[in-house]
C-alpha atoms as a PDB file:
ATOM      1  CA  MET A   1      46.911   4.579  57.264  1.00  0.00           C
ATOM      2  CA  TYR A   2      45.648   6.206  54.091  1.00  0.00           C
ATOM      3  CA  LYS A   3      42.699   5.307  52.409  1.00  0.00           C
ATOM      4  CA  MET A   4      42.573   7.851  49.593  1.00  0.00           C
ATOM      5  CA  ILE A   5      44.944   9.807  47.173  1.00  0.00           C
ATOM      6  CA  VAL A   6      43.533  12.824  45.806  1.00  0.00           C
ATOM      7  CA  LEU A   7      45.489  14.290  42.594  1.00  0.00           C
ATOM      8  CA  ASP A   8      45.098  17.509  40.843  1.00  0.00           C
ATOM      9  CA  VAL A   9      45.515  17.185  37.012  1.00  0.00           C
ATOM     10  CA  ASN A  10      47.128  19.707  35.212  1.00  0.00           C
ATOM     11  CA  GLY A  11      50.671  20.599  36.539  1.00  0.00           C
ATOM     12  CA  THR A  12      50.513  17.730  39.157  1.00  0.00           C
ATOM     13  CA  LEU A  13      49.481  14.417  37.595  1.00  0.00           C
ATOM     14  CA  LEU A  14      50.460  15.753  33.957  1.00  0.00           C
ATOM     15  CA  THR A  15      53.991  17.064  32.957  1.00  0.00           C
ATOM     16  CA  ASP A  16      54.119  20.032  30.788  1.00  0.00           C
ATOM     17  CA  LYS A  17      53.562  17.902  27.704  1.00  0.00           C
ATOM     18  CA  LYS A  18      50.293  17.001  29.175  1.00  0.00           C
ATOM     19  CA  GLU A  19      51.402  13.238  29.439  1.00  0.00           C
ATOM     20  CA  VAL A  20      51.386  10.796  32.227  1.00  0.00           C
ATOM     21  CA  THR A  21      54.764   9.198  32.877  1.00  0.00           C
ATOM     22  CA  THR A  22      55.149   5.473  33.172  1.00  0.00           C
ATOM     23  CA  GLU A  23      56.734   5.907  36.691  1.00  0.00           C
ATOM     24  CA  VAL A  24      53.483   7.847  37.856  1.00  0.00           C
ATOM     25  CA  ILE A  25      51.291   5.299  36.192  1.00  0.00           C
ATOM     26  CA  GLU A  26      53.127   2.510  38.205  1.00  0.00           C
ATOM     27  CA  ALA A  27      53.071   4.201  41.374  1.00  0.00           C
ATOM     28  CA  ILE A  28      49.202   4.874  41.197  1.00  0.00           C
ATOM     29  CA  ARG A  29      48.358   1.464  39.980  1.00  0.00           C
ATOM     30  CA  LYS A  30      50.316  -0.019  43.143  1.00  0.00           C
ATOM     31  CA  ALA A  31      48.844   2.364  45.510  1.00  0.00           C
ATOM     32  CA  HIS A  32      45.278   1.293  44.355  1.00  0.00           C
ATOM     33  CA  GLN A  33      46.307  -2.576  44.431  1.00  0.00           C
ATOM     34  CA  ALA A  34      46.953  -1.642  48.043  1.00  0.00           C
ATOM     35  CA  GLY A  35      43.481  -0.742  48.694  1.00  0.00           C
ATOM     36  CA  ILE A  36      43.968   3.054  48.268  1.00  0.00           C
ATOM     37  CA  LYS A  37      41.103   5.007  46.534  1.00  0.00           C
ATOM     38  CA  ILE A  38      42.301   6.946  43.541  1.00  0.00           C
ATOM     39  CA  VAL A  39      40.460  10.399  43.062  1.00  0.00           C
ATOM     40  CA  LEU A  40      41.390  12.888  40.307  1.00  0.00           C
ATOM     41  CA  CYS A  41      40.481  16.438  41.301  1.00  0.00           C
ATOM     42  CA  THR A  42      40.431  18.981  38.404  1.00  0.00           C
ATOM     43  CA  GLU A  43      39.106  22.260  36.773  1.00  0.00           C
ATOM     44  CA  ARG A  44      38.737  19.933  33.875  1.00  0.00           C
ATOM     45  CA  SER A  45      35.258  18.272  32.568  1.00  0.00           C
ATOM     46  CA  TYR A  46      34.665  14.997  33.095  1.00  0.00           C
ATOM     47  CA  ASP A  47      34.957  13.988  29.385  1.00  0.00           C
ATOM     48  CA  GLY A  48      38.192  16.326  29.671  1.00  0.00           C
ATOM     49  CA  ILE A  49      40.151  13.453  31.687  1.00  0.00           C
ATOM     50  CA  VAL A  50      38.942  10.714  29.678  1.00  0.00           C
ATOM     51  CA  LYS A  51      42.304   9.998  28.033  1.00  0.00           C
ATOM     52  CA  VAL A  52      44.091  10.852  31.399  1.00  0.00           C
ATOM     53  CA  VAL A  53      42.050   7.799  33.235  1.00  0.00           C
ATOM     54  CA  HIS A  54      42.652   5.828  29.980  1.00  0.00           C
ATOM     55  CA  ASP A  55      46.291   6.094  30.211  1.00  0.00           C
ATOM     56  CA  LEU A  56      46.288   5.418  34.123  1.00  0.00           C
ATOM     57  CA  GLY A  57      43.930   2.393  33.625  1.00  0.00           C
ATOM     58  CA  ASN A  58      40.139   2.592  33.958  1.00  0.00           C
ATOM     59  CA  GLN A  59      39.995   0.201  36.869  1.00  0.00           C
ATOM     60  CA  PHE A  60      42.545   2.054  38.711  1.00  0.00           C
ATOM     61  CA  VAL A  61      40.427   5.594  39.163  1.00  0.00           C
ATOM     62  CA  ASP A  62      37.555   5.515  41.631  1.00  0.00           C
ATOM     63  CA  TYR A  63      36.206   9.216  41.373  1.00  0.00           C
ATOM     64  CA  ALA A  64      36.480  12.107  39.523  1.00  0.00           C
ATOM     65  CA  ILE A  65      36.076  15.722  41.015  1.00  0.00           C
ATOM     66  CA  CYS A  66      35.618  17.882  38.117  1.00  0.00           C
ATOM     67  CA  PHE A  67      35.122  21.621  37.144  1.00  0.00           C
ATOM     68  CA  ASN A  68      37.102  22.697  40.515  1.00  0.00           C
ATOM     69  CA  GLY A  69      34.235  20.830  42.579  1.00  0.00           C
ATOM     70  CA  ALA A  70      31.157  21.731  40.736  1.00  0.00           C
ATOM     71  CA  LEU A  71      30.811  18.169  39.566  1.00  0.00           C
ATOM     72  CA  VAL A  72      31.690  14.881  41.517  1.00  0.00           C
ATOM     73  CA  LYS A  73      31.339  11.393  39.538  1.00  0.00           C
ATOM     74  CA  ASP A  74      31.736   7.743  40.191  1.00  0.00           C
ATOM     75  CA  ALA A  75      34.663   6.825  37.570  1.00  0.00           C
ATOM     76  CA  LYS A  76      33.556   3.319  37.535  1.00  0.00           C
ATOM     77  CA  THR A  77      29.756   3.717  36.979  1.00  0.00           C
ATOM     78  CA  HIS A  78      29.883   7.283  35.745  1.00  0.00           C
ATOM     79  CA  THR A  79      27.183   8.038  38.025  1.00  0.00           C
ATOM     80  CA  VAL A  80      26.798  11.707  38.994  1.00  0.00           C
ATOM     81  CA  LEU A  81      27.426  11.825  43.165  1.00  0.00           C
ATOM     82  CA  SER A  82      26.952  15.793  43.252  1.00  0.00           C
ATOM     83  CA  ARG A  83      26.550  18.818  40.797  1.00  0.00           C
ATOM     84  CA  VAL A  84      26.180  22.602  41.355  1.00  0.00           C
ATOM     85  CA  ASN A  85      25.852  25.183  38.714  1.00  0.00           C
ATOM     86  CA  LEU A  86      25.912  28.607  37.338  1.00  0.00           C
ATOM     87  CA  THR A  87      22.666  29.969  36.031  1.00  0.00           C
ATOM     88  CA  LYS A  88      21.666  31.693  32.543  1.00  0.00           C
ATOM     89  CA  ASP A  89      21.746  34.913  34.516  1.00  0.00           C
ATOM     90  CA  ASP A  90      24.883  34.521  35.755  1.00  0.00           C
ATOM     91  CA  LEU A  91      26.301  33.994  32.398  1.00  0.00           C
ATOM     92  CA  SER A  92      24.616  37.165  30.792  1.00  0.00           C
ATOM     93  CA  TYR A  93      26.066  39.016  33.920  1.00  0.00           C
ATOM     94  CA  LEU A  94      29.569  37.776  33.469  1.00  0.00           C
ATOM     95  CA  TYR A  95      29.462  38.186  29.734  1.00  0.00           C
ATOM     96  CA  LEU A  96      28.508  42.052  30.197  1.00  0.00           C
ATOM     97  CA  LEU A  97      31.737  42.059  32.831  1.00  0.00           C
ATOM     98  CA  SER A  98      33.909  40.640  30.065  1.00  0.00           C
ATOM     99  CA  GLU A  99      32.685  42.773  27.361  1.00  0.00           C
ATOM    100  CA  ARG A 100      33.443  45.918  29.220  1.00  0.00           C
ATOM    101  CA  ALA A 101      36.883  44.705  30.128  1.00  0.00           C
ATOM    102  CA  GLY A 102      37.507  42.965  26.866  1.00  0.00           C
ATOM    103  CA  CYS A 103      38.321  39.897  28.091  1.00  0.00           C
ATOM    104  CA  SER A 104      37.599  36.598  26.359  1.00  0.00           C
ATOM    105  CA  ILE A 105      35.120  34.393  28.115  1.00  0.00           C
ATOM    106  CA  HIS A 106      33.760  30.933  27.623  1.00  0.00           C
ATOM    107  CA  PHE A 107      31.181  28.382  29.349  1.00  0.00           C
ATOM    108  CA  ASP A 108      31.644  24.751  30.227  1.00  0.00           C
ATOM    109  CA  ASP A 109      29.253  22.057  30.700  1.00  0.00           C
ATOM    110  CA  GLU A 110      30.007  18.262  31.144  1.00  0.00           C
ATOM    111  CA  TYR A 111      30.403  18.041  27.637  1.00  0.00           C
ATOM    112  CA  SER A 112      31.101  21.114  25.601  1.00  0.00           C
ATOM    113  CA  ILE A 113      32.736  24.663  25.627  1.00  0.00           C
ATOM    114  CA  TYR A 114      30.611  27.453  24.636  1.00  0.00           C
ATOM    115  CA  THR A 115      32.064  31.012  23.740  1.00  0.00           C
ATOM    116  CA  PRO A 116      30.031  34.092  22.947  1.00  0.00           C
ATOM    117  CA  ASN A 117      33.248  35.673  21.398  1.00  0.00           C
ATOM    118  CA  GLN A 118      33.043  35.843  17.662  1.00  0.00           C
ATOM    119  CA  HIS A 119      36.773  36.268  17.695  1.00  0.00           C
ATOM    120  CA  ILE A 120      37.596  33.222  19.896  1.00  0.00           C
ATOM    121  CA  GLY A 121      40.486  33.874  22.315  1.00  0.00           C
ATOM    122  CA  LYS A 122      43.533  31.919  22.152  1.00  0.00           C
ATOM    123  CA  TYR A 123      43.255  30.334  25.668  1.00  0.00           C
ATOM    124  CA  THR A 124      39.697  29.213  24.953  1.00  0.00           C
ATOM    125  CA  ILE A 125      40.963  27.327  22.010  1.00  0.00           C
ATOM    126  CA  GLN A 126      43.927  26.021  24.025  1.00  0.00           C
ATOM    127  CA  GLU A 127      41.740  24.726  26.680  1.00  0.00           C
ATOM    128  CA  ALA A 128      39.415  22.854  24.174  1.00  0.00           C
ATOM    129  CA  TYR A 129      42.702  21.614  22.515  1.00  0.00           C
ATOM    130  CA  TYR A 130      43.992  20.289  25.766  1.00  0.00           C
ATOM    131  CA  THR A 131      40.888  18.586  27.087  1.00  0.00           C
ATOM    132  CA  ASN A 132      39.667  17.100  23.852  1.00  0.00           C
ATOM    133  CA  VAL A 133      36.238  18.916  24.482  1.00  0.00           C
ATOM    134  CA  PRO A 134      34.072  20.313  21.457  1.00  0.00           C
ATOM    135  CA  LEU A 135      34.123  24.263  21.211  1.00  0.00           C
ATOM    136  CA  TYR A 136      31.431  26.032  19.986  1.00  0.00           C
ATOM    137  CA  TYR A 137      30.499  29.874  19.216  1.00  0.00           C
ATOM    138  CA  ARG A 138      27.021  30.777  20.331  1.00  0.00           C
ATOM    139  CA  ASN A 139      25.268  34.020  20.901  1.00  0.00           C
ATOM    140  CA  ILE A 140      25.005  34.653  24.683  1.00  0.00           C
ATOM    141  CA  TYR A 141      21.264  34.910  24.440  1.00  0.00           C
ATOM    142  CA  ASP A 142      21.156  31.652  22.009  1.00  0.00           C
ATOM    143  CA  LEU A 143      22.694  28.971  24.290  1.00  0.00           C
ATOM    144  CA  PRO A 144      21.145  25.701  24.009  1.00  0.00           C
ATOM    145  CA  GLU A 145      18.063  24.812  26.062  1.00  0.00           C
ATOM    146  CA  LYS A 146      19.631  21.816  27.741  1.00  0.00           C
ATOM    147  CA  PHE A 147      23.087  23.817  28.279  1.00  0.00           C
ATOM    148  CA  VAL A 148      23.808  23.494  32.112  1.00  0.00           C
ATOM    149  CA  PRO A 149      26.639  25.509  32.879  1.00  0.00           C
ATOM    150  CA  SER A 150      29.346  24.275  35.402  1.00  0.00           C
ATOM    151  CA  LYS A 151      31.501  27.059  35.361  1.00  0.00           C
ATOM    152  CA  ALA A 152      32.733  30.346  33.154  1.00  0.00           C
ATOM    153  CA  ILE A 153      36.327  31.157  32.253  1.00  0.00           C
ATOM    154  CA  PHE A 154      37.740  34.640  31.656  1.00  0.00           C
ATOM    155  CA  SER A 155      41.119  34.252  29.688  1.00  0.00           C
ATOM    156  CA  GLU A 156      43.680  36.738  28.893  1.00  0.00           C
ATOM    157  CA  GLU A 157      47.210  37.625  29.109  1.00  0.00           C
ATOM    158  CA  ARG A 158      48.240  37.793  32.669  1.00  0.00           C
ATOM    159  CA  PHE A 159      48.776  41.391  33.155  1.00  0.00           C
ATOM    160  CA  LYS A 160      45.462  42.254  31.373  1.00  0.00           C
ATOM    161  CA  LEU A 161      43.602  39.265  33.492  1.00  0.00           C
ATOM    162  CA  ASP A 162      44.794  40.542  36.644  1.00  0.00           C
ATOM    163  CA  ASN A 163      43.799  44.067  36.214  1.00  0.00           C
ATOM    164  CA  PHE A 164      40.463  42.842  35.243  1.00  0.00           C
ATOM    165  CA  ILE A 165      40.230  40.901  38.429  1.00  0.00           C
ATOM    166  CA  ASN A 166      41.446  43.741  40.659  1.00  0.00           C
ATOM    167  CA  GLN A 167      38.752  46.008  39.203  1.00  0.00           C
ATOM    168  CA  LEU A 168      35.651  43.513  39.670  1.00  0.00           C
ATOM    169  CA  PRO A 169      32.579  44.638  41.609  1.00  0.00           C
ATOM    170  CA  LYS A 170      32.861  44.311  45.420  1.00  0.00           C
ATOM    171  CA  ASP A 171      29.894  41.904  45.796  1.00  0.00           C
ATOM    172  CA  PHE A 172      31.410  39.545  43.110  1.00  0.00           C
ATOM    173  CA  SER A 173      33.403  37.362  45.606  1.00  0.00           C
ATOM    174  CA  THR A 174      30.097  37.009  47.529  1.00  0.00           C
ATOM    175  CA  ARG A 175      28.039  35.829  44.584  1.00  0.00           C
ATOM    176  CA  PHE A 176      30.632  33.404  43.046  1.00  0.00           C
ATOM    177  CA  HIS A 177      33.417  31.027  43.928  1.00  0.00           C
ATOM    178  CA  ALA A 178      36.113  32.592  41.821  1.00  0.00           C
ATOM    179  CA  ILE A 179      39.727  31.190  41.557  1.00  0.00           C
ATOM    180  CA  LYS A 180      42.659  31.464  39.247  1.00  0.00           C
ATOM    181  CA  SER A 181      43.397  27.986  37.849  1.00  0.00           C
ATOM    182  CA  GLY A 182      46.418  29.349  35.877  1.00  0.00           C
ATOM    183  CA  PRO A 183      48.257  32.508  34.897  1.00  0.00           C
ATOM    184  CA  ASN A 184      45.804  33.053  31.754  1.00  0.00           C
ATOM    185  CA  PHE A 185      42.567  31.556  33.425  1.00  0.00           C
ATOM    186  CA  PHE A 186      39.853  32.875  36.044  1.00  0.00           C
ATOM    187  CA  GLU A 187      37.246  30.599  37.002  1.00  0.00           C
ATOM    188  CA  ILE A 188      33.923  31.538  38.002  1.00  0.00           C
ATOM    189  CA  LEU A 189      31.722  28.868  39.795  1.00  0.00           C
ATOM    190  CA  ASN A 190      28.639  28.551  41.921  1.00  0.00           C
ATOM    191  CA  SER A 191      29.725  30.136  45.075  1.00  0.00           C
ATOM    192  CA  THR A 192      29.368  26.617  47.126  1.00  0.00           C
ATOM    193  CA  ALA A 193      31.623  24.879  44.494  1.00  0.00           C
ATOM    194  CA  SER A 194      35.439  24.137  45.475  1.00  0.00           C
ATOM    195  CA  LYS A 195      37.766  21.307  45.257  1.00  0.00           C
ATOM    196  CA  GLY A 196      37.672  21.188  49.246  1.00  0.00           C
ATOM    197  CA  ASN A 197      33.943  21.147  49.621  1.00  0.00           C
ATOM    198  CA  ALA A 198      33.628  18.328  47.081  1.00  0.00           C
ATOM    199  CA  LEU A 199      36.208  16.313  48.813  1.00  0.00           C
ATOM    200  CA  LYS A 200      34.584  16.793  52.153  1.00  0.00           C
ATOM    201  CA  ALA A 201      31.129  15.611  50.896  1.00  0.00           C
ATOM    202  CA  LEU A 202      32.801  12.725  48.879  1.00  0.00           C
ATOM    203  CA  CYS A 203      34.958  11.537  52.264  1.00  0.00           C
ATOM    204  CA  GLU A 204      31.665  11.820  54.258  1.00  0.00           C
ATOM    205  CA  ARG A 205      29.858   9.640  51.793  1.00  0.00           C
ATOM    206  CA  LEU A 206      32.865   6.929  51.838  1.00  0.00           C
ATOM    207  CA  ASN A 207      33.205   7.320  55.627  1.00  0.00           C
ATOM    208  CA  ILE A 208      36.622   8.259  55.115  1.00  0.00           C
ATOM    209  CA  ASP A 209      38.347  10.617  58.009  1.00  0.00           C
ATOM    210  CA  PRO A 210      40.361  13.457  56.716  1.00  0.00           C
ATOM    211  CA  LEU A 211      43.387  12.097  58.308  1.00  0.00           C
ATOM    212  CA  ASP A 212      43.447   9.283  55.980  1.00  0.00           C
ATOM    213  CA  VAL A 213      43.406  11.475  52.969  1.00  0.00           C
ATOM    214  CA  LEU A 214      46.819  12.441  50.982  1.00  0.00           C
ATOM    215  CA  ALA A 215      46.240  15.061  48.578  1.00  0.00           C
ATOM    216  CA  ILE A 216      48.520  16.672  46.057  1.00  0.00           C
ATOM    217  CA  GLY A 217      48.427  19.764  43.934  1.00  0.00           C
ATOM    218  CA  ASP A 218      50.433  22.730  42.530  1.00  0.00           C
ATOM    219  CA  HIS A 219      47.866  25.755  42.039  1.00  0.00           C
ATOM    220  CA  ASP A 220      45.483  28.094  44.039  1.00  0.00           C
ATOM    221  CA  ASN A 221      42.476  26.309  42.925  1.00  0.00           C
ATOM    222  CA  ASP A 222      43.764  23.378  45.014  1.00  0.00           C
ATOM    223  CA  LEU A 223      44.350  25.274  48.296  1.00  0.00           C
ATOM    224  CA  SER A 224      40.873  24.130  49.746  1.00  0.00           C
ATOM    225  CA  MET A 225      41.494  20.473  48.822  1.00  0.00           C
ATOM    226  CA  LEU A 226      45.135  20.680  50.399  1.00  0.00           C
ATOM    227  CA  THR A 227      43.721  22.273  53.287  1.00  0.00           C
ATOM    228  CA  PHE A 228      41.174  19.496  54.101  1.00  0.00           C
ATOM    229  CA  ALA A 229      43.393  16.777  53.670  1.00  0.00           C
ATOM    230  CA  GLY A 230      45.094  15.122  56.534  1.00  0.00           C
ATOM    231  CA  THR A 231      48.508  15.168  54.435  1.00  0.00           C
ATOM    232  CA  SER A 232      49.176  17.791  51.864  1.00  0.00           C
ATOM    233  CA  ILE A 233      51.992  17.562  49.285  1.00  0.00           C
ATOM    234  CA  ALA A 234      52.961  20.635  46.892  1.00  0.00           C
ATOM    235  CA  MET A 235      54.636  19.840  43.646  1.00  0.00           C
ATOM    236  CA  GLY A 236      58.084  20.981  43.412  1.00  0.00           C
ATOM    237  CA  ASN A 237      56.452  23.460  40.567  1.00  0.00           C
ATOM    238  CA  ALA A 238      53.825  24.751  42.839  1.00  0.00           C
ATOM    239  CA  ASP A 239      52.836  28.369  43.540  1.00  0.00           C
ATOM    240  CA  LYS A 240      54.331  30.037  46.553  1.00  0.00           C
ATOM    241  CA  THR A 241      50.514  29.969  48.146  1.00  0.00           C
ATOM    242  CA  VAL A 242      50.658  26.055  47.962  1.00  0.00           C
ATOM    243  CA  LEU A 243      54.273  25.614  49.007  1.00  0.00           C
ATOM    244  CA  ASP A 244      53.576  27.908  52.207  1.00  0.00           C
ATOM    245  CA  ILE A 245      50.552  25.656  53.380  1.00  0.00           C
ATOM    246  CA  ALA A 246      51.578  22.170  52.231  1.00  0.00           C
ATOM    247  CA  ASP A 247      53.027  19.624  54.872  1.00  0.00           C
ATOM    248  CA  ASP A 248      55.843  18.622  52.281  1.00  0.00           C
ATOM    249  CA  VAL A 249      57.132  19.402  48.847  1.00  0.00           C
ATOM    250  CA  THR A 250      57.833  16.888  46.216  1.00  0.00           C
ATOM    251  CA  ALA A 251      59.732  16.755  42.993  1.00  0.00           C
ATOM    252  CA  THR A 252      58.230  18.752  39.989  1.00  0.00           C
ATOM    253  CA  ASN A 253      55.423  17.475  37.568  1.00  0.00           C
ATOM    254  CA  ASN A 254      58.191  16.926  34.725  1.00  0.00           C
ATOM    255  CA  GLU A 255      60.454  14.807  37.435  1.00  0.00           C
ATOM    256  CA  ASN A 256      57.570  12.198  38.721  1.00  0.00           C
ATOM    257  CA  GLY A 257      56.574  14.096  41.641  1.00  0.00           C
ATOM    258  CA  VAL A 258      53.383  12.277  42.133  1.00  0.00           C
ATOM    259  CA  ALA A 259      55.244   9.022  41.941  1.00  0.00           C
ATOM    260  CA  GLU A 260      57.974  10.214  44.636  1.00  0.00           C
ATOM    261  CA  ALA A 261      55.214  11.114  47.128  1.00  0.00           C
ATOM    262  CA  ILE A 262      53.295   8.041  46.724  1.00  0.00           C
ATOM    263  CA  LYS A 263      56.579   6.000  47.235  1.00  0.00           C
ATOM    264  CA  LYS A 264      57.255   7.901  50.337  1.00  0.00           C
ATOM    265  CA  TYR A 265      53.846   8.040  52.116  1.00  0.00           C
ATOM    266  CA  ILE A 266      52.349   4.855  50.441  1.00  0.00           C
ATOM    267  CA  LEU A 267      54.499   2.111  49.491  1.00  0.00           C
ATOM    268  CA  ASN A 268      57.667   2.700  51.998  1.00  0.00           C
END
């Protein structure tokens, strides 16, 4: 008997038009009414999923794992359950790397996006637009004193970004947890932050066995979450790496894939 459904947001819960379909909303609400806890697990900030939660219905979302696991909140009380961050020294180091490579970079905290690039990258603007989070230009050495960075993001055209990733220092992967969350986004987090680690801690807090967890995702940053869950579902539009490890494959995000999976495993 499943006790929790964990849903990635972009490319999974949302269509390519960044909408939640009526069919998906209905399936999630029925699952919640059947006693299943609903967890959104996303690279977005908490503020960046406010509209998504509103569309689903605030009473139907229990927890939010944000920033790819760097922040976990109770969606009912908005209480922070866990948080791991980058340091200001990390940001300076990452900024220098971006300058040498000519890549755009921006930093996210719980409420805002900051970029030290005077010519703000188009993918930085895109993220701010889709998540409805304020975007500010600020010199790397003049970030607000209270700014608590949850993640940094390098963003560029796919070929240029992949080339940059391939030339990173050898110790980069031990200093940070780094993942691609889309073809144009390379996210840098605290070395302990991941969707899988955050989900594991949440299940331990709630005394839920991994076998009772159904997780649905589409991209590389979902791999740790899908590996942890007792049952893992790949979207029909998922990356090959996700398709290779998933227990099952559902329809695409534009074809009500989440609703199809919930009906098959929860509402049958």
